[in-house]
Amino acid sequence: MIQPDHKLAFTVREAAEACSVRVNAIRTAIRNFELTPRKVAHGSILSRDDLLAWVNSRPRFVATRERNTP
């Protein structure tokens, strides 16, 4: 059974909030074919699985500067 707090799909604005990024980042990912929205009567939605895959495909932060330790 689907839990009510586990959404299956998000609007662009909701997706940005859920991923902790700006709306522009989601729109750019759509333009670059990194995310594929689904069309529904009221507009476009993004699936939870697609958003998880997109977030996991982002490069990991790697520190390039070593800290000076005394």
C-alpha atoms as a PDB file:
ATOM      1  CA  MET A   1       0.000   0.000   0.000  1.00  0.00           C
ATOM      2  CA  ILE A   2       1.256   3.496  -0.849  1.00  0.00           C
ATOM      3  CA  GLN A   3       1.915   5.686   2.153  1.00  0.00           C
ATOM      4  CA  PRO A   4       0.390   9.175   1.909  1.00  0.00           C
ATOM      5  CA  ASP A   5       3.706  10.834   2.785  1.00  0.00           C
ATOM      6  CA  HIS A   6       5.489   9.111  -0.130  1.00  0.00           C
ATOM      7  CA  LYS A   7       4.465  10.987  -3.250  1.00  0.00           C
ATOM      8  CA  LEU A   8       4.853   9.184  -6.563  1.00  0.00           C
ATOM      9  CA  ALA A   9       5.050  12.307  -8.715  1.00  0.00           C
ATOM     10  CA  PHE A  10       5.875  15.992  -8.310  1.00  0.00           C
ATOM     11  CA  THR A  11       5.288  19.238 -10.136  1.00  0.00           C
ATOM     12  CA  VAL A  12       8.439  21.084 -11.193  1.00  0.00           C
ATOM     13  CA  ARG A  13       8.187  23.341  -8.145  1.00  0.00           C
ATOM     14  CA  GLU A  14       7.585  20.411  -5.783  1.00  0.00           C
ATOM     15  CA  ALA A  15      10.465  18.477  -7.374  1.00  0.00           C
ATOM     16  CA  ALA A  16      12.826  21.388  -6.791  1.00  0.00           C
ATOM     17  CA  GLU A  17      11.779  21.598  -3.156  1.00  0.00           C
ATOM     18  CA  ALA A  18      12.061  17.829  -2.663  1.00  0.00           C
ATOM     19  CA  CYS A  19      15.571  17.805  -4.199  1.00  0.00           C
ATOM     20  CA  SER A  20      16.689  20.971  -2.371  1.00  0.00           C
ATOM     21  CA  VAL A  21      17.529  22.752  -5.617  1.00  0.00           C
ATOM     22  CA  ARG A  22      16.145  25.775  -7.422  1.00  0.00           C
ATOM     23  CA  VAL A  23      13.313  25.441  -9.912  1.00  0.00           C
ATOM     24  CA  ASN A  24      15.748  26.548 -12.615  1.00  0.00           C
ATOM     25  CA  ALA A  25      17.926  23.459 -11.943  1.00  0.00           C
ATOM     26  CA  ILE A  26      14.946  21.183 -12.594  1.00  0.00           C
ATOM     27  CA  ARG A  27      13.966  23.108 -15.725  1.00  0.00           C
ATOM     28  CA  THR A  28      17.563  22.951 -16.998  1.00  0.00           C
ATOM     29  CA  ALA A  29      17.655  19.184 -16.392  1.00  0.00           C
ATOM     30  CA  ILE A  30      14.437  18.848 -18.408  1.00  0.00           C
ATOM     31  CA  ARG A  31      15.859  20.964 -21.269  1.00  0.00           C
ATOM     32  CA  ASN A  32      19.051  18.854 -21.242  1.00  0.00           C
ATOM     33  CA  PHE A  33      16.996  15.626 -21.348  1.00  0.00           C
ATOM     34  CA  GLU A  34      18.297  14.559 -17.918  1.00  0.00           C
ATOM     35  CA  LEU A  35      14.724  14.480 -16.602  1.00  0.00           C
ATOM     36  CA  THR A  36      11.640  13.540 -18.597  1.00  0.00           C
ATOM     37  CA  PRO A  37       8.338  14.977 -17.414  1.00  0.00           C
ATOM     38  CA  ARG A  38       5.048  13.164 -17.922  1.00  0.00           C
ATOM     39  CA  LYS A  39       2.141  15.145 -19.312  1.00  0.00           C
ATOM     40  CA  VAL A  40      -1.122  15.128 -17.375  1.00  0.00           C
ATOM     41  CA  ALA A  41      -4.292  17.170 -17.668  1.00  0.00           C
ATOM     42  CA  HIS A  42      -3.088  20.004 -15.427  1.00  0.00           C
ATOM     43  CA  GLY A  43       0.491  20.175 -16.712  1.00  0.00           C
ATOM     44  CA  SER A  44       3.679  18.183 -16.232  1.00  0.00           C
ATOM     45  CA  ILE A  45       4.825  15.917 -13.439  1.00  0.00           C
ATOM     46  CA  LEU A  46       8.116  14.222 -12.628  1.00  0.00           C
ATOM     47  CA  SER A  47       8.212  10.747 -11.173  1.00  0.00           C
ATOM     48  CA  ARG A  48       9.832  10.060  -7.822  1.00  0.00           C
ATOM     49  CA  ASP A  49      12.033   7.346  -9.371  1.00  0.00           C
ATOM     50  CA  ASP A  50      13.275   9.703 -12.101  1.00  0.00           C
ATOM     51  CA  LEU A  51      14.118  12.353  -9.518  1.00  0.00           C
ATOM     52  CA  LEU A  52      16.008   9.845  -7.362  1.00  0.00           C
ATOM     53  CA  ALA A  53      17.983   8.647 -10.386  1.00  0.00           C
ATOM     54  CA  TRP A  54      18.771  12.244 -11.386  1.00  0.00           C
ATOM     55  CA  VAL A  55      19.971  13.184  -7.896  1.00  0.00           C
ATOM     56  CA  ASN A  56      22.104  10.035  -7.708  1.00  0.00           C
ATOM     57  CA  SER A  57      23.638  10.797 -11.120  1.00  0.00           C
ATOM     58  CA  ARG A  58      24.969  14.158  -9.942  1.00  0.00           C
ATOM     59  CA  PRO A  59      28.727  14.229  -9.293  1.00  0.00           C
ATOM     60  CA  ARG A  60      29.849  13.837  -5.723  1.00  0.00           C
ATOM     61  CA  PHE A  61      31.620  16.720  -4.049  1.00  0.00           C
ATOM     62  CA  VAL A  62      35.324  16.003  -3.705  1.00  0.00           C
ATOM     63  CA  ALA A  63      37.493  18.296  -1.647  1.00  0.00           C
ATOM     64  CA  THR A  64      40.425  19.466  -3.743  1.00  0.00           C
ATOM     65  CA  ARG A  65      42.252  21.481  -1.139  1.00  0.00           C
ATOM     66  CA  GLU A  66      44.010  19.808   1.738  1.00  0.00           C
ATOM     67  CA  ARG A  67      43.591  21.324   5.145  1.00  0.00           C
ATOM     68  CA  ASN A  68      46.695  22.550   6.878  1.00  0.00           C
ATOM     69  CA  THR A  69      47.002  20.760  10.161  1.00  0.00           C
ATOM     70  CA  PRO A  70      49.342  22.092  12.838  1.00  0.00           C
END
